[in-house]
């Protein structure tokens, strides 16, 4: 970006911040632009409405030289100056009110029912704080080998419990979906949890989704069979609860073994795998001697059995 362009965009920082103030009623949504980066975008009609309501504060922030200065004129000027850019719904995005995937539009004329994004990003302290946090995080990760043992073991336990939580969440989601599906409904906990296009916070919204399905005869028959199998499983668990108890005990024992293994690994008590897989020369000689003694003992025992047999005869 040229120096002239940077200076030109600085003129609009105050305008940009005015539209991005929190709780100002101007709707900004997040989306993925061409599967490359996250952007904030807005609707043209919302831009016009907000500009009309706040016209007195906005009109002096736009360096228009023409006498006519209204909301539509401001929008067209920002578009022509490439301060805002028109985007549209990506062809892979489902038909929703606010798309989550966007792409650029060749026709950059202003229309009220279109979507737009800002081409500038105002400098703020939060960006500097985020950058500093990233650098500190990378630095701390590089120093992981010299961390105190309690910190390293705590990170290990946290990672194990987090993995268990994520796997458990997926299993619970699938089980609830399968059970409720038997009654003709599609139910998901955190339906967007596995969709990267919604961003981090968007992946946790909504908390659940439920929809009634119109099944055909085949689906109804499969649901009936599934209900029989489900109630049979419940009956088996009630009659033989030790099956469930054995699974729970085995899971707990496995978790304890993993935590013990991790602790011994960090303390250096675990022998490296390559050393355990390839024995050294002394171990091979020792093993050969033991095999030789075992062979001699077996031969002696056989001879003794033969002599006892001959004496009996």
C-alpha atoms as a PDB file:
ATOM      1  CA  UNK A   1       0.000   0.000   0.000  1.00  0.00           C
ATOM      2  CA  UNK A   2       1.367   3.388  -1.029  1.00  0.00           C
ATOM      3  CA  UNK A   3       2.011   6.178   1.454  1.00  0.00           C
ATOM      4  CA  UNK A   4      -0.667   8.330  -0.190  1.00  0.00           C
ATOM      5  CA  UNK A   5      -3.249   5.594   0.235  1.00  0.00           C
ATOM      6  CA  UNK A   6      -2.374   5.172   3.916  1.00  0.00           C
ATOM      7  CA  UNK A   7      -2.744   8.884   4.516  1.00  0.00           C
ATOM      8  CA  UNK A   8      -6.059   8.867   2.672  1.00  0.00           C
ATOM      9  CA  UNK A   9      -7.407   6.010   4.799  1.00  0.00           C
ATOM     10  CA  UNK A  10      -6.364   7.767   8.010  1.00  0.00           C
ATOM     11  CA  UNK A  11      -8.939  10.440   7.228  1.00  0.00           C
ATOM     12  CA  UNK A  12     -11.658   7.825   7.711  1.00  0.00           C
ATOM     13  CA  UNK A  13     -10.463   6.318  11.005  1.00  0.00           C
ATOM     14  CA  UNK A  14     -12.853   8.501  13.007  1.00  0.00           C
ATOM     15  CA  UNK A  15     -15.725   7.521  10.698  1.00  0.00           C
ATOM     16  CA  UNK A  16     -14.764   3.853  10.939  1.00  0.00           C
ATOM     17  CA  UNK A  17     -14.727   3.985  14.737  1.00  0.00           C
ATOM     18  CA  UNK A  18     -18.085   5.761  14.763  1.00  0.00           C
ATOM     19  CA  UNK A  19     -19.726   2.853  12.941  1.00  0.00           C
ATOM     20  CA  UNK A  20     -17.898   0.305  15.117  1.00  0.00           C
ATOM     21  CA  UNK A  21     -18.849   1.679  18.502  1.00  0.00           C
ATOM     22  CA  UNK A  22     -20.427  -0.900  20.768  1.00  0.00           C
ATOM     23  CA  UNK A  23     -24.163  -0.712  21.448  1.00  0.00           C
ATOM     24  CA  UNK A  24     -24.770   1.874  18.731  1.00  0.00           C
ATOM     25  CA  UNK A  25     -27.426  -0.160  16.905  1.00  0.00           C
ATOM     26  CA  UNK A  26     -25.349  -0.679  13.756  1.00  0.00           C
ATOM     27  CA  UNK A  27     -25.358  -4.414  12.965  1.00  0.00           C
ATOM     28  CA  UNK A  28     -21.978  -5.946  12.191  1.00  0.00           C
ATOM     29  CA  UNK A  29     -21.631  -9.667  11.488  1.00  0.00           C
ATOM     30  CA  UNK A  30     -18.614 -11.940  11.044  1.00  0.00           C
ATOM     31  CA  UNK A  31     -18.052 -14.115   7.992  1.00  0.00           C
ATOM     32  CA  UNK A  32     -15.331 -15.954   6.114  1.00  0.00           C
ATOM     33  CA  UNK A  33     -14.124 -14.180   2.973  1.00  0.00           C
ATOM     34  CA  UNK A  34     -13.130 -16.634   0.237  1.00  0.00           C
ATOM     35  CA  UNK A  35     -12.165 -19.221   2.900  1.00  0.00           C
ATOM     36  CA  UNK A  36      -9.114 -17.080   3.709  1.00  0.00           C
ATOM     37  CA  UNK A  37      -9.861 -14.660   6.541  1.00  0.00           C
ATOM     38  CA  UNK A  38     -12.552 -13.398   8.855  1.00  0.00           C
ATOM     39  CA  UNK A  39     -14.202 -10.066   8.157  1.00  0.00           C
ATOM     40  CA  UNK A  40     -16.956  -7.921   9.614  1.00  0.00           C
ATOM     41  CA  UNK A  41     -19.692  -6.928   7.212  1.00  0.00           C
ATOM     42  CA  UNK A  42     -22.987  -5.050   7.196  1.00  0.00           C
ATOM     43  CA  UNK A  43     -26.052  -4.515   5.055  1.00  0.00           C
ATOM     44  CA  UNK A  44     -26.443  -1.508   2.802  1.00  0.00           C
ATOM     45  CA  UNK A  45     -29.892  -0.699   4.191  1.00  0.00           C
ATOM     46  CA  UNK A  46     -28.528  -0.717   7.755  1.00  0.00           C
ATOM     47  CA  UNK A  47     -25.758   1.635   6.672  1.00  0.00           C
ATOM     48  CA  UNK A  48     -28.272   4.071   5.178  1.00  0.00           C
ATOM     49  CA  UNK A  49     -30.591   3.965   8.207  1.00  0.00           C
ATOM     50  CA  UNK A  50     -27.737   4.470  10.673  1.00  0.00           C
ATOM     51  CA  UNK A  51     -26.265   7.311   8.601  1.00  0.00           C
ATOM     52  CA  UNK A  52     -29.609   9.114   8.437  1.00  0.00           C
ATOM     53  CA  UNK A  53     -30.160   8.842  12.196  1.00  0.00           C
ATOM     54  CA  UNK A  54     -26.590   9.982  13.001  1.00  0.00           C
ATOM     55  CA  UNK A  55     -26.182  12.315  10.056  1.00  0.00           C
ATOM     56  CA  UNK A  56     -25.070  15.361  12.057  1.00  0.00           C
ATOM     57  CA  UNK A  57     -22.150  13.438  13.595  1.00  0.00           C
ATOM     58  CA  UNK A  58     -21.179  11.673  10.366  1.00  0.00           C
ATOM     59  CA  UNK A  59     -21.415  14.370   7.678  1.00  0.00           C
ATOM     60  CA  UNK A  60     -18.290  16.233   8.824  1.00  0.00           C
ATOM     61  CA  UNK A  61     -16.220  13.020   8.926  1.00  0.00           C
ATOM     62  CA  UNK A  62     -16.502  12.447   5.156  1.00  0.00           C
ATOM     63  CA  UNK A  63     -14.316  14.730   2.961  1.00  0.00           C
ATOM     64  CA  UNK A  64     -16.944  15.275   0.258  1.00  0.00           C
ATOM     65  CA  UNK A  65     -16.443  18.389  -1.864  1.00  0.00           C
ATOM     66  CA  UNK A  66     -19.892  18.394  -3.448  1.00  0.00           C
ATOM     67  CA  UNK A  67     -22.692  20.442  -1.950  1.00  0.00           C
ATOM     68  CA  UNK A  68     -25.063  17.484  -1.884  1.00  0.00           C
ATOM     69  CA  UNK A  69     -24.263  15.374   1.130  1.00  0.00           C
ATOM     70  CA  UNK A  70     -26.805  12.711   2.150  1.00  0.00           C
ATOM     71  CA  UNK A  71     -26.662   9.092   3.304  1.00  0.00           C
ATOM     72  CA  UNK A  72     -26.773   7.617  -0.187  1.00  0.00           C
ATOM     73  CA  UNK A  73     -24.114  10.023  -1.437  1.00  0.00           C
ATOM     74  CA  UNK A  74     -21.823   9.146   1.484  1.00  0.00           C
ATOM     75  CA  UNK A  75     -22.226   5.420   0.788  1.00  0.00           C
ATOM     76  CA  UNK A  76     -21.422   5.863  -2.913  1.00  0.00           C
ATOM     77  CA  UNK A  77     -18.393   8.021  -2.120  1.00  0.00           C
ATOM     78  CA  UNK A  78     -16.979   5.460   0.329  1.00  0.00           C
ATOM     79  CA  UNK A  79     -17.548   2.705  -2.218  1.00  0.00           C
ATOM     80  CA  UNK A  80     -15.867   4.619  -5.031  1.00  0.00           C
ATOM     81  CA  UNK A  81     -12.933   5.423  -2.732  1.00  0.00           C
ATOM     82  CA  UNK A  82     -12.676   1.713  -1.832  1.00  0.00           C
ATOM     83  CA  UNK A  83     -13.145   2.479   1.846  1.00  0.00           C
ATOM     84  CA  UNK A  84     -16.012   0.012   1.826  1.00  0.00           C
ATOM     85  CA  UNK A  85     -16.174  -2.957  -0.551  1.00  0.00           C
ATOM     86  CA  UNK A  86     -19.231  -4.797  -1.766  1.00  0.00           C
ATOM     87  CA  UNK A  87     -19.342  -8.539  -1.155  1.00  0.00           C
ATOM     88  CA  UNK A  88     -21.939 -11.223  -1.777  1.00  0.00           C
ATOM     89  CA  UNK A  89     -22.953 -14.633  -0.498  1.00  0.00           C
ATOM     90  CA  UNK A  90     -20.578 -17.435  -1.471  1.00  0.00           C
ATOM     91  CA  UNK A  91     -22.077 -20.143  -3.675  1.00  0.00           C
ATOM     92  CA  UNK A  92     -21.305 -22.759  -0.988  1.00  0.00           C
ATOM     93  CA  UNK A  93     -23.086 -20.833   1.773  1.00  0.00           C
ATOM     94  CA  UNK A  94     -26.563 -22.021   2.835  1.00  0.00           C
ATOM     95  CA  UNK A  95     -29.460 -19.622   2.279  1.00  0.00           C
ATOM     96  CA  UNK A  96     -29.633 -17.733   5.574  1.00  0.00           C
ATOM     97  CA  UNK A  97     -30.414 -14.139   6.461  1.00  0.00           C
ATOM     98  CA  UNK A  98     -26.804 -13.439   7.422  1.00  0.00           C
ATOM     99  CA  UNK A  99     -24.339 -15.519   5.366  1.00  0.00           C
ATOM    100  CA  UNK A 100     -21.227 -17.011   6.927  1.00  0.00           C
ATOM    101  CA  UNK A 101     -19.244 -17.283   3.698  1.00  0.00           C
ATOM    102  CA  UNK A 102     -18.703 -14.328   1.381  1.00  0.00           C
ATOM    103  CA  UNK A 103     -16.879 -13.515  -1.815  1.00  0.00           C
ATOM    104  CA  UNK A 104     -15.970 -10.290  -3.631  1.00  0.00           C
ATOM    105  CA  UNK A 105     -18.281  -8.752  -6.234  1.00  0.00           C
ATOM    106  CA  UNK A 106     -17.050  -7.442  -9.578  1.00  0.00           C
ATOM    107  CA  UNK A 107     -19.846  -4.860  -9.799  1.00  0.00           C
ATOM    108  CA  UNK A 108     -18.992  -2.338  -7.050  1.00  0.00           C
ATOM    109  CA  UNK A 109     -22.121  -0.213  -7.392  1.00  0.00           C
ATOM    110  CA  UNK A 110     -24.066   0.570  -4.216  1.00  0.00           C
ATOM    111  CA  UNK A 111     -27.379  -1.207  -3.622  1.00  0.00           C
ATOM    112  CA  UNK A 112     -29.263  -1.170  -0.331  1.00  0.00           C
ATOM    113  CA  UNK A 113     -29.875  -4.932  -0.192  1.00  0.00           C
ATOM    114  CA  UNK A 114     -26.183  -5.732  -0.715  1.00  0.00           C
ATOM    115  CA  UNK A 115     -23.476  -6.653   1.797  1.00  0.00           C
ATOM    116  CA  UNK A 116     -20.384  -4.520   2.444  1.00  0.00           C
ATOM    117  CA  UNK A 117     -17.172  -4.656   4.441  1.00  0.00           C
ATOM    118  CA  UNK A 118     -14.572  -2.056   5.427  1.00  0.00           C
ATOM    119  CA  UNK A 119     -11.215  -2.144   3.684  1.00  0.00           C
ATOM    120  CA  UNK A 120      -9.448  -0.364   6.568  1.00  0.00           C
ATOM    121  CA  UNK A 121      -8.793  -1.413  10.102  1.00  0.00           C
ATOM    122  CA  UNK A 122      -8.317   1.339  12.648  1.00  0.00           C
ATOM    123  CA  UNK A 123      -5.227   1.035  14.786  1.00  0.00           C
ATOM    124  CA  UNK A 124      -6.066   0.398  18.401  1.00  0.00           C
ATOM    125  CA  UNK A 125      -4.390  -0.755  21.563  1.00  0.00           C
ATOM    126  CA  UNK A 126      -6.235  -4.063  21.524  1.00  0.00           C
ATOM    127  CA  UNK A 127      -4.365  -5.183  18.395  1.00  0.00           C
ATOM    128  CA  UNK A 128      -1.052  -4.402  20.100  1.00  0.00           C
ATOM    129  CA  UNK A 129      -2.125  -6.323  23.203  1.00  0.00           C
ATOM    130  CA  UNK A 130      -3.137  -9.330  21.091  1.00  0.00           C
ATOM    131  CA  UNK A 131       0.184  -9.269  19.220  1.00  0.00           C
ATOM    132  CA  UNK A 132       2.129  -9.044  22.487  1.00  0.00           C
ATOM    133  CA  UNK A 133       0.111 -11.940  23.937  1.00  0.00           C
ATOM    134  CA  UNK A 134       0.889 -14.079  20.870  1.00  0.00           C
ATOM    135  CA  UNK A 135       4.622 -13.338  21.098  1.00  0.00           C
ATOM    136  CA  UNK A 136       4.695 -14.074  24.832  1.00  0.00           C
ATOM    137  CA  UNK A 137       2.772 -17.302  24.252  1.00  0.00           C
ATOM    138  CA  UNK A 138       5.224 -18.466  21.566  1.00  0.00           C
ATOM    139  CA  UNK A 139       8.149 -17.541  23.810  1.00  0.00           C
ATOM    140  CA  UNK A 140       6.709 -19.515  26.740  1.00  0.00           C
ATOM    141  CA  UNK A 141       6.066 -22.543  24.530  1.00  0.00           C
ATOM    142  CA  UNK A 142       9.683 -22.503  23.351  1.00  0.00           C
ATOM    143  CA  UNK A 143      10.799 -22.479  27.009  1.00  0.00           C
ATOM    144  CA  UNK A 144       8.598 -25.467  27.866  1.00  0.00           C
ATOM    145  CA  UNK A 145      11.584 -27.831  28.551  1.00  0.00           C
ATOM    146  CA  UNK A 146      12.741 -25.640  31.480  1.00  0.00           C
ATOM    147  CA  UNK A 147       9.295 -25.125  33.001  1.00  0.00           C
ATOM    148  CA  UNK A 148       8.841 -26.314  36.599  1.00  0.00           C
ATOM    149  CA  UNK A 149       7.655 -29.911  36.732  1.00  0.00           C
ATOM    150  CA  UNK A 150       4.352 -28.982  38.380  1.00  0.00           C
ATOM    151  CA  UNK A 151       3.522 -26.615  35.501  1.00  0.00           C
ATOM    152  CA  UNK A 152       4.391 -29.165  32.811  1.00  0.00           C
ATOM    153  CA  UNK A 153       2.425 -31.901  34.537  1.00  0.00           C
ATOM    154  CA  UNK A 154      -0.507 -29.517  34.986  1.00  0.00           C
ATOM    155  CA  UNK A 155      -0.524 -28.743  31.262  1.00  0.00           C
ATOM    156  CA  UNK A 156      -0.398 -32.470  30.515  1.00  0.00           C
ATOM    157  CA  UNK A 157      -3.381 -33.199  32.804  1.00  0.00           C
ATOM    158  CA  UNK A 158      -5.320 -30.255  31.391  1.00  0.00           C
ATOM    159  CA  UNK A 159      -4.717 -31.534  27.836  1.00  0.00           C
ATOM    160  CA  UNK A 160      -5.892 -35.040  28.769  1.00  0.00           C
ATOM    161  CA  UNK A 161      -9.059 -33.781  30.492  1.00  0.00           C
ATOM    162  CA  UNK A 162      -9.769 -31.376  27.623  1.00  0.00           C
ATOM    163  CA  UNK A 163      -9.433 -34.235  25.122  1.00  0.00           C
ATOM    164  CA  UNK A 164     -11.792 -36.372  27.207  1.00  0.00           C
ATOM    165  CA  UNK A 165     -14.280 -33.501  27.393  1.00  0.00           C
ATOM    166  CA  UNK A 166     -14.239 -32.924  23.623  1.00  0.00           C
ATOM    167  CA  UNK A 167     -14.616 -36.623  22.828  1.00  0.00           C
ATOM    168  CA  UNK A 168     -17.352 -36.956  25.451  1.00  0.00           C
ATOM    169  CA  UNK A 169     -19.175 -33.951  24.028  1.00  0.00           C
ATOM    170  CA  UNK A 170     -19.182 -35.475  20.555  1.00  0.00           C
ATOM    171  CA  UNK A 171     -20.386 -38.835  21.909  1.00  0.00           C
ATOM    172  CA  UNK A 172     -23.182 -37.204  23.940  1.00  0.00           C
ATOM    173  CA  UNK A 173     -24.254 -35.115  20.929  1.00  0.00           C
ATOM    174  CA  UNK A 174     -24.429 -38.240  18.766  1.00  0.00           C
ATOM    175  CA  UNK A 175     -26.283 -40.276  21.404  1.00  0.00           C
ATOM    176  CA  UNK A 176     -28.903 -37.586  22.000  1.00  0.00           C
ATOM    177  CA  UNK A 177     -29.333 -37.101  18.261  1.00  0.00           C
ATOM    178  CA  UNK A 178     -29.784 -40.861  17.747  1.00  0.00           C
ATOM    179  CA  UNK A 179     -32.303 -41.208  20.594  1.00  0.00           C
ATOM    180  CA  UNK A 180     -34.413 -38.167  19.689  1.00  0.00           C
ATOM    181  CA  UNK A 181     -34.222 -39.095  16.002  1.00  0.00           C
ATOM    182  CA  UNK A 182     -36.209 -42.225  16.878  1.00  0.00           C
ATOM    183  CA  UNK A 183     -39.163 -39.961  17.734  1.00  0.00           C
ATOM    184  CA  UNK A 184     -39.039 -38.033  14.437  1.00  0.00           C
ATOM    185  CA  UNK A 185     -36.997 -34.996  15.503  1.00  0.00           C
ATOM    186  CA  UNK A 186     -33.501 -33.805  14.656  1.00  0.00           C
ATOM    187  CA  UNK A 187     -31.816 -32.463  17.780  1.00  0.00           C
ATOM    188  CA  UNK A 188     -28.248 -31.209  18.077  1.00  0.00           C
ATOM    189  CA  UNK A 189     -26.361 -29.701  20.996  1.00  0.00           C
ATOM    190  CA  UNK A 190     -24.134 -26.887  19.669  1.00  0.00           C
ATOM    191  CA  UNK A 191     -24.996 -27.564  16.008  1.00  0.00           C
ATOM    192  CA  UNK A 192     -22.160 -25.339  14.726  1.00  0.00           C
ATOM    193  CA  UNK A 193     -19.398 -26.708  16.964  1.00  0.00           C
ATOM    194  CA  UNK A 194     -17.641 -28.460  14.039  1.00  0.00           C
ATOM    195  CA  UNK A 195     -18.088 -25.664  11.473  1.00  0.00           C
ATOM    196  CA  UNK A 196     -14.960 -23.492  11.217  1.00  0.00           C
ATOM    197  CA  UNK A 197     -16.702 -20.854   9.095  1.00  0.00           C
ATOM    198  CA  UNK A 198     -18.623 -19.496  12.124  1.00  0.00           C
ATOM    199  CA  UNK A 199     -15.559 -18.397  14.076  1.00  0.00           C
ATOM    200  CA  UNK A 200     -14.712 -19.289  17.673  1.00  0.00           C
ATOM    201  CA  UNK A 201     -17.659 -17.637  19.420  1.00  0.00           C
ATOM    202  CA  UNK A 202     -20.071 -18.404  16.585  1.00  0.00           C
ATOM    203  CA  UNK A 203     -19.332 -22.121  16.936  1.00  0.00           C
ATOM    204  CA  UNK A 204     -21.052 -22.091  20.350  1.00  0.00           C
ATOM    205  CA  UNK A 205     -24.236 -20.417  19.087  1.00  0.00           C
ATOM    206  CA  UNK A 206     -26.998 -21.457  19.168  1.00  0.00           C
ATOM    207  CA  UNK A 207     -26.789 -23.762  22.173  1.00  0.00           C
ATOM    208  CA  UNK A 208     -29.108 -26.286  20.538  1.00  0.00           C
ATOM    209  CA  UNK A 209     -31.310 -26.797  17.494  1.00  0.00           C
ATOM    210  CA  UNK A 210     -34.401 -28.968  17.090  1.00  0.00           C
ATOM    211  CA  UNK A 211     -36.443 -29.650  13.958  1.00  0.00           C
ATOM    212  CA  UNK A 212     -39.345 -31.948  13.201  1.00  0.00           C
ATOM    213  CA  UNK A 213     -38.705 -34.199  10.195  1.00  0.00           C
ATOM    214  CA  UNK A 214     -41.150 -35.601   7.677  1.00  0.00           C
ATOM    215  CA  UNK A 215     -40.115 -39.246   7.338  1.00  0.00           C
ATOM    216  CA  UNK A 216     -41.264 -41.708   4.731  1.00  0.00           C
ATOM    217  CA  UNK A 217     -42.327 -45.294   5.302  1.00  0.00           C
ATOM    218  CA  UNK A 218     -38.766 -46.614   5.226  1.00  0.00           C
ATOM    219  CA  UNK A 219     -37.573 -44.090   7.830  1.00  0.00           C
ATOM    220  CA  UNK A 220     -40.563 -44.868  10.065  1.00  0.00           C
ATOM    221  CA  UNK A 221     -39.816 -48.602   9.855  1.00  0.00           C
ATOM    222  CA  UNK A 222     -36.152 -47.996  10.727  1.00  0.00           C
ATOM    223  CA  UNK A 223     -37.202 -45.783  13.646  1.00  0.00           C
ATOM    224  CA  UNK A 224     -39.463 -48.563  14.952  1.00  0.00           C
ATOM    225  CA  UNK A 225     -36.616 -51.096  14.775  1.00  0.00           C
ATOM    226  CA  UNK A 226     -34.333 -48.607  16.467  1.00  0.00           C
ATOM    227  CA  UNK A 227     -36.834 -48.091  19.309  1.00  0.00           C
ATOM    228  CA  UNK A 228     -36.987 -51.840  19.921  1.00  0.00           C
ATOM    229  CA  UNK A 229     -33.181 -52.028  20.045  1.00  0.00           C
ATOM    230  CA  UNK A 230     -32.996 -48.966  22.324  1.00  0.00           C
ATOM    231  CA  UNK A 231     -35.482 -50.286  24.885  1.00  0.00           C
ATOM    232  CA  UNK A 232     -33.810 -53.714  24.746  1.00  0.00           C
ATOM    233  CA  UNK A 233     -30.500 -52.027  25.581  1.00  0.00           C
ATOM    234  CA  UNK A 234     -32.108 -50.161  28.506  1.00  0.00           C
ATOM    235  CA  UNK A 235     -33.593 -53.434  29.790  1.00  0.00           C
ATOM    236  CA  UNK A 236     -30.184 -55.146  29.551  1.00  0.00           C
ATOM    237  CA  UNK A 237     -28.496 -52.342  31.510  1.00  0.00           C
ATOM    238  CA  UNK A 238     -31.170 -52.505  34.230  1.00  0.00           C
ATOM    239  CA  UNK A 239     -30.953 -56.290  34.502  1.00  0.00           C
ATOM    240  CA  UNK A 240     -27.159 -56.512  34.248  1.00  0.00           C
ATOM    241  CA  UNK A 241     -25.758 -53.271  35.698  1.00  0.00           C
ATOM    242  CA  UNK A 242     -22.308 -54.823  36.138  1.00  0.00           C
ATOM    243  CA  UNK A 243     -21.682 -54.379  32.392  1.00  0.00           C
ATOM    244  CA  UNK A 244     -21.898 -50.618  32.780  1.00  0.00           C
ATOM    245  CA  UNK A 245     -19.868 -50.754  35.999  1.00  0.00           C
ATOM    246  CA  UNK A 246     -17.099 -52.752  34.314  1.00  0.00           C
ATOM    247  CA  UNK A 247     -16.875 -50.215  31.482  1.00  0.00           C
ATOM    248  CA  UNK A 248     -16.715 -47.338  33.964  1.00  0.00           C
ATOM    249  CA  UNK A 249     -14.004 -49.049  36.024  1.00  0.00           C
ATOM    250  CA  UNK A 250     -11.968 -49.873  32.929  1.00  0.00           C
ATOM    251  CA  UNK A 251     -12.204 -46.267  31.726  1.00  0.00           C
ATOM    252  CA  UNK A 252     -11.092 -44.922  35.099  1.00  0.00           C
ATOM    253  CA  UNK A 253      -8.178 -47.366  35.255  1.00  0.00           C
ATOM    254  CA  UNK A 254      -7.085 -46.409  31.742  1.00  0.00           C
ATOM    255  CA  UNK A 255      -7.117 -42.709  32.687  1.00  0.00           C
ATOM    256  CA  UNK A 256      -5.032 -43.416  35.792  1.00  0.00           C
ATOM    257  CA  UNK A 257      -2.536 -45.414  33.721  1.00  0.00           C
ATOM    258  CA  UNK A 258      -2.208 -42.572  31.201  1.00  0.00           C
ATOM    259  CA  UNK A 259      -1.616 -39.993  33.957  1.00  0.00           C
ATOM    260  CA  UNK A 260       0.974 -42.222  35.639  1.00  0.00           C
ATOM    261  CA  UNK A 261       2.692 -42.847  32.308  1.00  0.00           C
ATOM    262  CA  UNK A 262       2.810 -39.093  31.597  1.00  0.00           C
ATOM    263  CA  UNK A 263       4.225 -38.309  35.031  1.00  0.00           C
ATOM    264  CA  UNK A 264       6.939 -40.968  34.742  1.00  0.00           C
ATOM    265  CA  UNK A 265       7.724 -39.796  31.227  1.00  0.00           C
ATOM    266  CA  UNK A 266       8.296 -36.214  32.406  1.00  0.00           C
ATOM    267  CA  UNK A 267      10.343 -37.400  35.387  1.00  0.00           C
ATOM    268  CA  UNK A 268      12.604 -39.419  33.051  1.00  0.00           C
ATOM    269  CA  UNK A 269      11.644 -42.772  34.565  1.00  0.00           C
ATOM    270  CA  UNK A 270      10.316 -44.095  31.287  1.00  0.00           C
ATOM    271  CA  UNK A 271      13.005 -45.638  29.113  1.00  0.00           C
ATOM    272  CA  UNK A 272      12.987 -44.287  25.542  1.00  0.00           C
ATOM    273  CA  UNK A 273      11.155 -46.490  23.052  1.00  0.00           C
ATOM    274  CA  UNK A 274      14.147 -46.912  20.736  1.00  0.00           C
ATOM    275  CA  UNK A 275      16.222 -48.277  23.621  1.00  0.00           C
ATOM    276  CA  UNK A 276      13.520 -50.694  24.632  1.00  0.00           C
ATOM    277  CA  UNK A 277      12.987 -51.806  21.029  1.00  0.00           C
ATOM    278  CA  UNK A 278      16.692 -52.411  20.234  1.00  0.00           C
ATOM    279  CA  UNK A 279      18.580 -54.179  23.096  1.00  0.00           C
ATOM    280  CA  UNK A 280      22.296 -53.542  23.473  1.00  0.00           C
ATOM    281  CA  UNK A 281      25.070 -56.187  23.209  1.00  0.00           C
ATOM    282  CA  UNK A 282      25.200 -56.995  26.931  1.00  0.00           C
ATOM    283  CA  UNK A 283      21.485 -57.750  26.985  1.00  0.00           C
ATOM    284  CA  UNK A 284      21.844 -60.024  23.957  1.00  0.00           C
ATOM    285  CA  UNK A 285      24.731 -61.954  25.590  1.00  0.00           C
ATOM    286  CA  UNK A 286      22.773 -62.272  28.832  1.00  0.00           C
ATOM    287  CA  UNK A 287      19.728 -63.525  26.963  1.00  0.00           C
ATOM    288  CA  UNK A 288      21.855 -66.050  25.025  1.00  0.00           C
ATOM    289  CA  UNK A 289      23.356 -67.402  28.250  1.00  0.00           C
ATOM    290  CA  UNK A 290      19.912 -67.803  29.804  1.00  0.00           C
ATOM    291  CA  UNK A 291      18.670 -69.624  26.699  1.00  0.00           C
ATOM    292  CA  UNK A 292      21.702 -71.917  26.793  1.00  0.00           C
ATOM    293  CA  UNK A 293      21.141 -72.772  30.473  1.00  0.00           C
ATOM    294  CA  UNK A 294      17.474 -73.419  29.835  1.00  0.00           C
ATOM    295  CA  UNK A 295      18.348 -75.731  26.950  1.00  0.00           C
ATOM    296  CA  UNK A 296      20.830 -77.671  29.077  1.00  0.00           C
ATOM    297  CA  UNK A 297      18.296 -78.051  31.854  1.00  0.00           C
ATOM    298  CA  UNK A 298      15.719 -79.354  29.419  1.00  0.00           C
ATOM    299  CA  UNK A 299      18.214 -81.903  28.020  1.00  0.00           C
ATOM    300  CA  UNK A 300      19.133 -83.045  31.516  1.00  0.00           C
ATOM    301  CA  UNK A 301      15.486 -83.440  32.451  1.00  0.00           C
ATOM    302  CA  UNK A 302      14.862 -85.513  29.320  1.00  0.00           C
ATOM    303  CA  UNK A 303      17.825 -87.774  30.066  1.00  0.00           C
ATOM    304  CA  UNK A 304      16.627 -88.203  33.626  1.00  0.00           C
ATOM    305  CA  UNK A 305      13.164 -89.190  32.409  1.00  0.00           C
ATOM    306  CA  UNK A 306      14.677 -91.739  29.992  1.00  0.00           C
ATOM    307  CA  UNK A 307      16.777 -93.325  32.779  1.00  0.00           C
ATOM    308  CA  UNK A 308      13.799 -93.567  35.123  1.00  0.00           C
ATOM    309  CA  UNK A 309      11.799 -95.208  32.343  1.00  0.00           C
ATOM    310  CA  UNK A 310      14.578 -97.754  31.688  1.00  0.00           C
ATOM    311  CA  UNK A 311      14.835 -98.577  35.429  1.00  0.00           C
ATOM    312  CA  UNK A 312      11.099 -99.134  35.608  1.00  0.00           C
ATOM    313  CA  UNK A 313      11.340-101.578  32.697  1.00  0.00           C
END
